[in-house]
Amino acid sequence: AGTFLGAENFTSLAACAVALREHAMNEAAEVLERQAARTAA
């Protein structure tokens, strides 16, 4: 995931998840989406 996310300045876990989905890293994206939802709750 780190290689796909690179050194971008993301503003949130959700933004990281979107970037991972763009690279078909769905398992990793789901982990981040769950945590983002938990944090929001």
PDB file of all heavy atoms in Angstrom:
ATOM      1  N   ALA A   1       0.835  -1.196   0.000  1.00  0.00           N
ATOM      2  CA  ALA A   1       0.000   0.000   0.000  1.00  0.00           C
ATOM      3  C   ALA A   1       0.871   1.247   0.000  1.00  0.00           C
ATOM      4  O   ALA A   1       0.576   2.221  -0.695  1.00  0.00           O
ATOM      5  CB  ALA A   1      -0.928  -0.004   1.204  1.00  0.00           C
ATOM      6  N   GLY A   2       1.947   1.203   0.749  1.00  0.00           N
ATOM      7  CA  GLY A   2       2.859   2.344   0.816  1.00  0.00           C
ATOM      8  C   GLY A   2       3.438   2.703  -0.536  1.00  0.00           C
ATOM      9  O   GLY A   2       3.612   3.884  -0.849  1.00  0.00           O
ATOM     10  N   THR A   3       3.717   1.705  -1.360  1.00  0.00           N
ATOM     11  CA  THR A   3       4.258   1.997  -2.686  1.00  0.00           C
ATOM     12  C   THR A   3       3.214   2.681  -3.569  1.00  0.00           C
ATOM     13  O   THR A   3       3.551   3.545  -4.373  1.00  0.00           O
ATOM     14  CB  THR A   3       4.781   0.728  -3.393  1.00  0.00           C
ATOM     15  OG1 THR A   3       3.699  -0.188  -3.565  1.00  0.00           O
ATOM     16  CG2 THR A   3       5.893   0.078  -2.608  1.00  0.00           C
ATOM     17  N   PHE A   4       1.945   2.305  -3.412  1.00  0.00           N
ATOM     18  CA  PHE A   4       0.888   2.931  -4.207  1.00  0.00           C
ATOM     19  C   PHE A   4       0.523   4.311  -3.687  1.00  0.00           C
ATOM     20  O   PHE A   4       0.174   5.206  -4.453  1.00  0.00           O
ATOM     21  CB  PHE A   4      -0.364   2.055  -4.249  1.00  0.00           C
ATOM     22  CG  PHE A   4      -0.216   0.846  -5.115  1.00  0.00           C
ATOM     23  CD1 PHE A   4      -0.332  -0.421  -4.585  1.00  0.00           C
ATOM     24  CD2 PHE A   4       0.053   0.979  -6.473  1.00  0.00           C
ATOM     25  CE1 PHE A   4      -0.186  -1.544  -5.392  1.00  0.00           C
ATOM     26  CE2 PHE A   4       0.203  -0.137  -7.290  1.00  0.00           C
ATOM     27  CZ  PHE A   4       0.081  -1.400  -6.738  1.00  0.00           C
ATOM     28  N   LEU A   5       0.574   4.478  -2.374  1.00  0.00           N
ATOM     29  CA  LEU A   5       0.190   5.766  -1.785  1.00  0.00           C
ATOM     30  C   LEU A   5       1.295   6.799  -1.922  1.00  0.00           C
ATOM     31  O   LEU A   5       1.026   7.993  -1.952  1.00  0.00           O
ATOM     32  CB  LEU A   5      -0.196   5.581  -0.311  1.00  0.00           C
ATOM     33  CG  LEU A   5      -1.439   4.724  -0.072  1.00  0.00           C
ATOM     34  CD1 LEU A   5      -1.648   4.508   1.418  1.00  0.00           C
ATOM     35  CD2 LEU A   5      -2.670   5.356  -0.708  1.00  0.00           C
ATOM     36  N   GLY A   6       2.532   6.312  -2.009  1.00  0.00           N
ATOM     37  CA  GLY A   6       3.658   7.210  -2.212  1.00  0.00           C
ATOM     38  C   GLY A   6       3.795   8.258  -1.138  1.00  0.00           C
ATOM     39  O   GLY A   6       3.513   8.018   0.020  1.00  0.00           O
ATOM     40  N   ALA A   7       4.200   9.418  -1.553  1.00  0.00           N
ATOM     41  CA  ALA A   7       4.461  10.502  -0.605  1.00  0.00           C
ATOM     42  C   ALA A   7       3.397  11.588  -0.706  1.00  0.00           C
ATOM     43  O   ALA A   7       3.641  12.732  -0.376  1.00  0.00           O
ATOM     44  CB  ALA A   7       5.838  11.084  -0.866  1.00  0.00           C
ATOM     45  N   GLU A   8       2.216  11.235  -1.178  1.00  0.00           N
ATOM     46  CA  GLU A   8       1.143  12.226  -1.282  1.00  0.00           C
ATOM     47  C   GLU A   8       0.745  12.725   0.101  1.00  0.00           C
ATOM     48  O   GLU A   8       0.904  12.029   1.093  1.00  0.00           O
ATOM     49  CB  GLU A   8      -0.092  11.610  -1.953  1.00  0.00           C
ATOM     50  CG  GLU A   8       0.043  11.469  -3.451  1.00  0.00           C
ATOM     51  CD  GLU A   8      -1.270  11.083  -4.092  1.00  0.00           C
ATOM     52  OE1 GLU A   8      -2.273  11.785  -3.857  1.00  0.00           O
ATOM     53  OE2 GLU A   8      -1.279  10.075  -4.799  1.00  0.00           O
ATOM     54  N   ASN A   9       0.213  13.917   0.137  1.00  0.00           N
ATOM     55  CA  ASN A   9      -0.310  14.473   1.381  1.00  0.00           C
ATOM     56  C   ASN A   9      -1.803  14.217   1.437  1.00  0.00           C
ATOM     57  O   ASN A   9      -2.586  14.994   0.903  1.00  0.00           O
ATOM     58  CB  ASN A   9      -0.027  15.979   1.476  1.00  0.00           C
ATOM     59  CG  ASN A   9       1.419  16.254   1.754  1.00  0.00           C
ATOM     60  OD1 ASN A   9       2.086  15.477   2.421  1.00  0.00           O
ATOM     61  ND2 ASN A   9       1.909  17.368   1.256  1.00  0.00           N
ATOM     62  N   PHE A  10      -2.190  13.142   2.079  1.00  0.00           N
ATOM     63  CA  PHE A  10      -3.604  12.814   2.209  1.00  0.00           C
ATOM     64  C   PHE A  10      -4.192  13.573   3.382  1.00  0.00           C
ATOM     65  O   PHE A  10      -3.522  13.822   4.380  1.00  0.00           O
ATOM     66  CB  PHE A  10      -3.782  11.303   2.407  1.00  0.00           C
ATOM     67  CG  PHE A  10      -3.435  10.506   1.186  1.00  0.00           C
ATOM     68  CD1 PHE A  10      -2.183   9.922   1.059  1.00  0.00           C
ATOM     69  CD2 PHE A  10      -4.352  10.361   0.161  1.00  0.00           C
ATOM     70  CE1 PHE A  10      -1.848   9.199  -0.073  1.00  0.00           C
ATOM     71  CE2 PHE A  10      -4.028   9.633  -0.976  1.00  0.00           C
ATOM     72  CZ  PHE A  10      -2.782   9.047  -1.091  1.00  0.00           C
ATOM     73  N   THR A  11      -5.458  13.897   3.270  1.00  0.00           N
ATOM     74  CA  THR A  11      -6.124  14.650   4.330  1.00  0.00           C
ATOM     75  C   THR A  11      -6.869  13.754   5.307  1.00  0.00           C
ATOM     76  O   THR A  11      -7.282  14.207   6.370  1.00  0.00           O
ATOM     77  CB  THR A  11      -7.126  15.661   3.738  1.00  0.00           C
ATOM     78  OG1 THR A  11      -8.060  14.949   2.927  1.00  0.00           O
ATOM     79  CG2 THR A  11      -6.403  16.714   2.904  1.00  0.00           C
ATOM     80  N   SER A  12      -7.037  12.476   4.956  1.00  0.00           N
ATOM     81  CA  SER A  12      -7.802  11.580   5.823  1.00  0.00           C
ATOM     82  C   SER A  12      -7.529  10.126   5.450  1.00  0.00           C
ATOM     83  O   SER A  12      -6.987   9.836   4.379  1.00  0.00           O
ATOM     84  CB  SER A  12      -9.294  11.856   5.692  1.00  0.00           C
ATOM     85  OG  SER A  12      -9.723  11.521   4.376  1.00  0.00           O
ATOM     86  N   LEU A  13      -7.964   9.230   6.341  1.00  0.00           N
ATOM     87  CA  LEU A  13      -7.894   7.801   6.025  1.00  0.00           C
ATOM     88  C   LEU A  13      -8.794   7.470   4.840  1.00  0.00           C
ATOM     89  O   LEU A  13      -8.446   6.632   3.999  1.00  0.00           O
ATOM     90  CB  LEU A  13      -8.329   6.963   7.233  1.00  0.00           C
ATOM     91  CG  LEU A  13      -7.333   6.787   8.351  1.00  0.00           C
ATOM     92  CD1 LEU A  13      -7.941   5.925   9.453  1.00  0.00           C
ATOM     93  CD2 LEU A  13      -6.048   6.156   7.854  1.00  0.00           C
ATOM     94  N   ALA A  14      -9.937   8.129   4.775  1.00  0.00           N
ATOM     95  CA  ALA A  14     -10.862   7.882   3.663  1.00  0.00           C
ATOM     96  C   ALA A  14     -10.212   8.223   2.328  1.00  0.00           C
ATOM     97  O   ALA A  14     -10.388   7.501   1.343  1.00  0.00           O
ATOM     98  CB  ALA A  14     -12.148   8.682   3.861  1.00  0.00           C
ATOM     99  N   ALA A  15      -9.440   9.294   2.288  1.00  0.00           N
ATOM    100  CA  ALA A  15      -8.742   9.670   1.050  1.00  0.00           C
ATOM    101  C   ALA A  15      -7.693   8.615   0.692  1.00  0.00           C
ATOM    102  O   ALA A  15      -7.511   8.295  -0.491  1.00  0.00           O
ATOM    103  CB  ALA A  15      -8.096  11.040   1.202  1.00  0.00           C
ATOM    104  N   CYS A  16      -7.030   8.069   1.679  1.00  0.00           N
ATOM    105  CA  CYS A  16      -6.070   6.974   1.431  1.00  0.00           C
ATOM    106  C   CYS A  16      -6.802   5.761   0.869  1.00  0.00           C
ATOM    107  O   CYS A  16      -6.313   5.112  -0.062  1.00  0.00           O
ATOM    108  CB  CYS A  16      -5.344   6.594   2.720  1.00  0.00           C
ATOM    109  SG  CYS A  16      -4.214   7.829   3.369  1.00  0.00           S
ATOM    110  N   ALA A  17      -7.980   5.467   1.411  1.00  0.00           N
ATOM    111  CA  ALA A  17      -8.763   4.322   0.948  1.00  0.00           C
ATOM    112  C   ALA A  17      -9.170   4.500  -0.517  1.00  0.00           C
ATOM    113  O   ALA A  17      -9.097   3.557  -1.302  1.00  0.00           O
ATOM    114  CB  ALA A  17      -9.995   4.138   1.829  1.00  0.00           C
ATOM    115  N   VAL A  18      -9.573   5.710  -0.883  1.00  0.00           N
ATOM    116  CA  VAL A  18      -9.955   5.983  -2.273  1.00  0.00           C
ATOM    117  C   VAL A  18      -8.767   5.719  -3.195  1.00  0.00           C
ATOM    118  O   VAL A  18      -8.907   5.079  -4.250  1.00  0.00           O
ATOM    119  CB  VAL A  18     -10.463   7.433  -2.424  1.00  0.00           C
ATOM    120  CG1 VAL A  18     -10.589   7.825  -3.898  1.00  0.00           C
ATOM    121  CG2 VAL A  18     -11.792   7.606  -1.708  1.00  0.00           C
ATOM    122  N   ALA A  19      -7.599   6.188  -2.802  1.00  0.00           N
ATOM    123  CA  ALA A  19      -6.396   5.974  -3.621  1.00  0.00           C
ATOM    124  C   ALA A  19      -6.082   4.487  -3.748  1.00  0.00           C
ATOM    125  O   ALA A  19      -5.692   4.018  -4.831  1.00  0.00           O
ATOM    126  CB  ALA A  19      -5.209   6.715  -3.013  1.00  0.00           C
ATOM    127  N   LEU A  20      -6.268   3.725  -2.684  1.00  0.00           N
ATOM    128  CA  LEU A  20      -5.994   2.279  -2.750  1.00  0.00           C
ATOM    129  C   LEU A  20      -7.008   1.573  -3.646  1.00  0.00           C
ATOM    130  O   LEU A  20      -6.650   0.649  -4.375  1.00  0.00           O
ATOM    131  CB  LEU A  20      -5.989   1.681  -1.348  1.00  0.00           C
ATOM    132  CG  LEU A  20      -4.796   2.088  -0.494  1.00  0.00           C
ATOM    133  CD1 LEU A  20      -4.949   1.563   0.925  1.00  0.00           C
ATOM    134  CD2 LEU A  20      -3.492   1.589  -1.103  1.00  0.00           C
ATOM    135  N   ARG A  21      -8.253   1.994  -3.608  1.00  0.00           N
ATOM    136  CA  ARG A  21      -9.270   1.392  -4.487  1.00  0.00           C
ATOM    137  C   ARG A  21      -8.919   1.645  -5.949  1.00  0.00           C
ATOM    138  O   ARG A  21      -9.142   0.790  -6.804  1.00  0.00           O
ATOM    139  CB  ARG A  21     -10.649   1.948  -4.174  1.00  0.00           C
ATOM    140  CG  ARG A  21     -11.215   1.422  -2.879  1.00  0.00           C
ATOM    141  CD  ARG A  21     -12.619   0.894  -3.058  1.00  0.00           C
ATOM    142  NE  ARG A  21     -13.146   0.453  -1.778  1.00  0.00           N
ATOM    143  CZ  ARG A  21     -13.242  -0.827  -1.433  1.00  0.00           C
ATOM    144  NH1 ARG A  21     -12.862  -1.782  -2.270  1.00  0.00           N
ATOM    145  NH2 ARG A  21     -13.726  -1.170  -0.264  1.00  0.00           N
ATOM    146  N   GLU A  22      -8.346   2.799  -6.244  1.00  0.00           N
ATOM    147  CA  GLU A  22      -7.939   3.109  -7.614  1.00  0.00           C
ATOM    148  C   GLU A  22      -6.851   2.154  -8.107  1.00  0.00           C
ATOM    149  O   GLU A  22      -6.688   1.968  -9.305  1.00  0.00           O
ATOM    150  CB  GLU A  22      -7.457   4.553  -7.709  1.00  0.00           C
ATOM    151  CG  GLU A  22      -8.572   5.570  -7.550  1.00  0.00           C
ATOM    152  CD  GLU A  22      -8.079   6.990  -7.438  1.00  0.00           C
ATOM    153  OE1 GLU A  22      -6.853   7.239  -7.468  1.00  0.00           O
ATOM    154  OE2 GLU A  22      -8.942   7.888  -7.299  1.00  0.00           O
ATOM    155  N   HIS A  23      -6.118   1.558  -7.161  1.00  0.00           N
ATOM    156  CA  HIS A  23      -5.059   0.596  -7.509  1.00  0.00           C
ATOM    157  C   HIS A  23      -5.508  -0.843  -7.254  1.00  0.00           C
ATOM    158  O   HIS A  23      -4.675  -1.744  -7.167  1.00  0.00           O
ATOM    159  CB  HIS A  23      -3.794   0.891  -6.708  1.00  0.00           C
ATOM    160  CG  HIS A  23      -3.159   2.191  -7.061  1.00  0.00           C
ATOM    161  ND1 HIS A  23      -2.505   2.397  -8.248  1.00  0.00           N
ATOM    162  CD2 HIS A  23      -3.110   3.369  -6.391  1.00  0.00           C
ATOM    163  CE1 HIS A  23      -2.051   3.638  -8.292  1.00  0.00           C
ATOM    164  NE2 HIS A  23      -2.414   4.255  -7.183  1.00  0.00           N
ATOM    165  N   ALA A  24      -6.810  -1.039  -7.116  1.00  0.00           N
ATOM    166  CA  ALA A  24      -7.409  -2.359  -6.892  1.00  0.00           C
ATOM    167  C   ALA A  24      -6.891  -3.030  -5.635  1.00  0.00           C
ATOM    168  O   ALA A  24      -6.835  -4.254  -5.555  1.00  0.00           O
ATOM    169  CB  ALA A  24      -7.203  -3.253  -8.118  1.00  0.00           C
ATOM    170  N   MET A  25      -6.513  -2.237  -4.648  1.00  0.00           N
ATOM    171  CA  MET A  25      -6.101  -2.786  -3.343  1.00  0.00           C
ATOM    172  C   MET A  25      -7.304  -2.739  -2.408  1.00  0.00           C
ATOM    173  O   MET A  25      -7.347  -2.011  -1.421  1.00  0.00           O
ATOM    174  CB  MET A  25      -4.918  -2.007  -2.778  1.00  0.00           C
ATOM    175  CG  MET A  25      -3.650  -2.214  -3.569  1.00  0.00           C
ATOM    176  SD  MET A  25      -2.195  -1.822  -2.600  1.00  0.00           S
ATOM    177  CE  MET A  25      -2.283  -2.997  -1.262  1.00  0.00           C
ATOM    178  N   ASN A  26      -8.319  -3.547  -2.751  1.00  0.00           N
ATOM    179  CA  ASN A  26      -9.604  -3.485  -2.064  1.00  0.00           C
ATOM    180  C   ASN A  26      -9.528  -3.923  -0.611  1.00  0.00           C
ATOM    181  O   ASN A  26     -10.194  -3.342   0.250  1.00  0.00           O
ATOM    182  CB  ASN A  26     -10.645  -4.295  -2.823  1.00  0.00           C
ATOM    183  CG  ASN A  26     -10.942  -3.680  -4.173  1.00  0.00           C
ATOM    184  OD1 ASN A  26     -10.928  -2.461  -4.318  1.00  0.00           O
ATOM    185  ND2 ASN A  26     -11.189  -4.505  -5.164  1.00  0.00           N
ATOM    186  N   GLU A  27      -8.732  -4.939  -0.319  1.00  0.00           N
ATOM    187  CA  GLU A  27      -8.611  -5.408   1.068  1.00  0.00           C
ATOM    188  C   GLU A  27      -8.059  -4.294   1.959  1.00  0.00           C
ATOM    189  O   GLU A  27      -8.583  -4.022   3.039  1.00  0.00           O
ATOM    190  CB  GLU A  27      -7.692  -6.633   1.142  1.00  0.00           C
ATOM    191  CG  GLU A  27      -7.496  -7.160   2.550  1.00  0.00           C
ATOM    192  CD  GLU A  27      -6.485  -8.300   2.617  1.00  0.00           C
ATOM    193  OE1 GLU A  27      -6.047  -8.807   1.560  1.00  0.00           O
ATOM    194  OE2 GLU A  27      -6.120  -8.665   3.749  1.00  0.00           O
ATOM    195  N   ALA A  28      -7.034  -3.644   1.490  1.00  0.00           N
ATOM    196  CA  ALA A  28      -6.429  -2.546   2.253  1.00  0.00           C
ATOM    197  C   ALA A  28      -7.410  -1.385   2.371  1.00  0.00           C
ATOM    198  O   ALA A  28      -7.554  -0.776   3.445  1.00  0.00           O
ATOM    199  CB  ALA A  28      -5.138  -2.086   1.593  1.00  0.00           C
ATOM    200  N   ALA A  29      -8.107  -1.071   1.294  1.00  0.00           N
ATOM    201  CA  ALA A  29      -9.083   0.019   1.313  1.00  0.00           C
ATOM    202  C   ALA A  29     -10.188  -0.257   2.321  1.00  0.00           C
ATOM    203  O   ALA A  29     -10.608   0.645   3.055  1.00  0.00           O
ATOM    204  CB  ALA A  29      -9.671   0.232  -0.075  1.00  0.00           C
ATOM    205  N   GLU A  30     -10.633  -1.497   2.409  1.00  0.00           N
ATOM    206  CA  GLU A  30     -11.694  -1.856   3.357  1.00  0.00           C
ATOM    207  C   GLU A  30     -11.247  -1.652   4.797  1.00  0.00           C
ATOM    208  O   GLU A  30     -12.025  -1.179   5.635  1.00  0.00           O
ATOM    209  CB  GLU A  30     -12.135  -3.303   3.139  1.00  0.00           C
ATOM    210  CG  GLU A  30     -12.947  -3.495   1.882  1.00  0.00           C
ATOM    211  CD  GLU A  30     -13.228  -4.952   1.563  1.00  0.00           C
ATOM    212  OE1 GLU A  30     -13.036  -5.818   2.456  1.00  0.00           O
ATOM    213  OE2 GLU A  30     -13.636  -5.229   0.427  1.00  0.00           O
ATOM    214  N   VAL A  31     -10.014  -1.981   5.099  1.00  0.00           N
ATOM    215  CA  VAL A  31      -9.483  -1.773   6.456  1.00  0.00           C
ATOM    216  C   VAL A  31      -9.549  -0.284   6.807  1.00  0.00           C
ATOM    217  O   VAL A  31     -10.007   0.097   7.888  1.00  0.00           O
ATOM    218  CB  VAL A  31      -8.033  -2.300   6.576  1.00  0.00           C
ATOM    219  CG1 VAL A  31      -7.380  -1.860   7.869  1.00  0.00           C
ATOM    220  CG2 VAL A  31      -8.012  -3.821   6.448  1.00  0.00           C
ATOM    221  N   LEU A  32      -9.106   0.556   5.888  1.00  0.00           N
ATOM    222  CA  LEU A  32      -9.099   1.996   6.143  1.00  0.00           C
ATOM    223  C   LEU A  32     -10.510   2.566   6.210  1.00  0.00           C
ATOM    224  O   LEU A  32     -10.798   3.440   7.036  1.00  0.00           O
ATOM    225  CB  LEU A  32      -8.282   2.716   5.080  1.00  0.00           C
ATOM    226  CG  LEU A  32      -6.811   2.307   4.959  1.00  0.00           C
ATOM    227  CD1 LEU A  32      -6.104   3.181   3.943  1.00  0.00           C
ATOM    228  CD2 LEU A  32      -6.115   2.350   6.305  1.00  0.00           C
ATOM    229  N   GLU A  33     -11.394   2.073   5.365  1.00  0.00           N
ATOM    230  CA  GLU A  33     -12.783   2.544   5.384  1.00  0.00           C
ATOM    231  C   GLU A  33     -13.474   2.188   6.696  1.00  0.00           C
ATOM    232  O   GLU A  33     -14.220   3.017   7.248  1.00  0.00           O
ATOM    233  CB  GLU A  33     -13.552   1.974   4.193  1.00  0.00           C
ATOM    234  CG  GLU A  33     -13.114   2.557   2.867  1.00  0.00           C
ATOM    235  CD  GLU A  33     -13.557   1.742   1.665  1.00  0.00           C
ATOM    236  OE1 GLU A  33     -14.027   0.594   1.829  1.00  0.00           O
ATOM    237  OE2 GLU A  33     -13.395   2.260   0.544  1.00  0.00           O
ATOM    238  N   ARG A  34     -13.214   0.980   7.205  1.00  0.00           N
ATOM    239  CA  ARG A  34     -13.799   0.582   8.497  1.00  0.00           C
ATOM    240  C   ARG A  34     -13.323   1.510   9.609  1.00  0.00           C
ATOM    241  O   ARG A  34     -14.105   1.949  10.451  1.00  0.00           O
ATOM    242  CB  ARG A  34     -13.453  -0.864   8.836  1.00  0.00           C
ATOM    243  CG  ARG A  34     -14.339  -1.896   8.188  1.00  0.00           C
ATOM    244  CD  ARG A  34     -14.181  -3.265   8.814  1.00  0.00           C
ATOM    245  NE  ARG A  34     -12.801  -3.730   8.866  1.00  0.00           N
ATOM    246  CZ  ARG A  34     -12.197  -4.429   7.905  1.00  0.00           C
ATOM    247  NH1 ARG A  34     -12.844  -4.733   6.803  1.00  0.00           N
ATOM    248  NH2 ARG A  34     -10.949  -4.817   8.047  1.00  0.00           N
ATOM    249  N   GLN A  35     -12.025   1.811   9.617  1.00  0.00           N
ATOM    250  CA  GLN A  35     -11.485   2.680  10.659  1.00  0.00           C
ATOM    251  C   GLN A  35     -12.020   4.106  10.503  1.00  0.00           C
ATOM    252  O   GLN A  35     -12.347   4.754  11.505  1.00  0.00           O
ATOM    253  CB  GLN A  35      -9.961   2.697  10.634  1.00  0.00           C
ATOM    254  CG  GLN A  35      -9.350   3.523  11.748  1.00  0.00           C
ATOM    255  CD  GLN A  35      -9.721   3.021  13.131  1.00  0.00           C
ATOM    256  OE1 GLN A  35      -9.730   1.819  13.391  1.00  0.00           O
ATOM    257  NE2 GLN A  35     -10.034   3.933  14.040  1.00  0.00           N
ATOM    258  N   ALA A  36     -12.130   4.590   9.283  1.00  0.00           N
ATOM    259  CA  ALA A  36     -12.666   5.935   9.060  1.00  0.00           C
ATOM    260  C   ALA A  36     -14.114   6.021   9.555  1.00  0.00           C
ATOM    261  O   ALA A  36     -14.502   7.010  10.189  1.00  0.00           O
ATOM    262  CB  ALA A  36     -12.573   6.303   7.582  1.00  0.00           C
ATOM    263  N   ALA A  37     -14.893   4.977   9.301  1.00  0.00           N
ATOM    264  CA  ALA A  37     -16.289   4.958   9.762  1.00  0.00           C
ATOM    265  C   ALA A  37     -16.352   4.904  11.289  1.00  0.00           C
ATOM    266  O   ALA A  37     -17.177   5.586  11.913  1.00  0.00           O
ATOM    267  CB  ALA A  37     -17.023   3.766   9.153  1.00  0.00           C
ATOM    268  N   ARG A  38     -15.484   4.115  11.889  1.00  0.00           N
ATOM    269  CA  ARG A  38     -15.446   4.016  13.353  1.00  0.00           C
ATOM    270  C   ARG A  38     -15.069   5.363  13.968  1.00  0.00           C
ATOM    271  O   ARG A  38     -15.665   5.805  14.954  1.00  0.00           O
ATOM    272  CB  ARG A  38     -14.449   2.942  13.775  1.00  0.00           C
ATOM    273  CG  ARG A  38     -14.343   2.795  15.257  1.00  0.00           C
ATOM    274  CD  ARG A  38     -13.372   1.695  15.622  1.00  0.00           C
ATOM    275  NE  ARG A  38     -13.205   1.659  17.057  1.00  0.00           N
ATOM    276  CZ  ARG A  38     -12.347   0.899  17.683  1.00  0.00           C
ATOM    277  NH1 ARG A  38     -11.574   0.080  16.999  1.00  0.00           N
ATOM    278  NH2 ARG A  38     -12.249   0.914  18.987  1.00  0.00           N
ATOM    279  N   THR A  39     -14.086   6.030  13.393  1.00  0.00           N
ATOM    280  CA  THR A  39     -13.657   7.333  13.891  1.00  0.00           C
ATOM    281  C   THR A  39     -14.795   8.346  13.781  1.00  0.00           C
ATOM    282  O   THR A  39     -15.032   9.124  14.716  1.00  0.00           O
ATOM    283  CB  THR A  39     -12.415   7.815  13.127  1.00  0.00           C
ATOM    284  OG1 THR A  39     -11.364   6.865  13.318  1.00  0.00           O
ATOM    285  CG2 THR A  39     -11.961   9.177  13.608  1.00  0.00           C
ATOM    286  N   ALA A  40     -15.501   8.336  12.666  1.00  0.00           N
ATOM    287  CA  ALA A  40     -16.631   9.257  12.485  1.00  0.00           C
ATOM    288  C   ALA A  40     -17.722   8.978  13.518  1.00  0.00           C
ATOM    289  O   ALA A  40     -18.299   9.913  14.086  1.00  0.00           O
ATOM    290  CB  ALA A  40     -17.187   9.136  11.064  1.00  0.00           C
ATOM    291  N   ALA A  41     -17.983   7.706  13.776  1.00  0.00           N
ATOM    292  CA  ALA A  41     -18.996   7.343  14.776  1.00  0.00           C
ATOM    293  C   ALA A  41     -18.558   7.780  16.173  1.00  0.00           C
ATOM    294  O   ALA A  41     -19.376   8.277  16.959  1.00  0.00           O
ATOM    295  CB  ALA A  41     -19.255   5.840  14.738  1.00  0.00           C
TER     296      ALA A  41
END
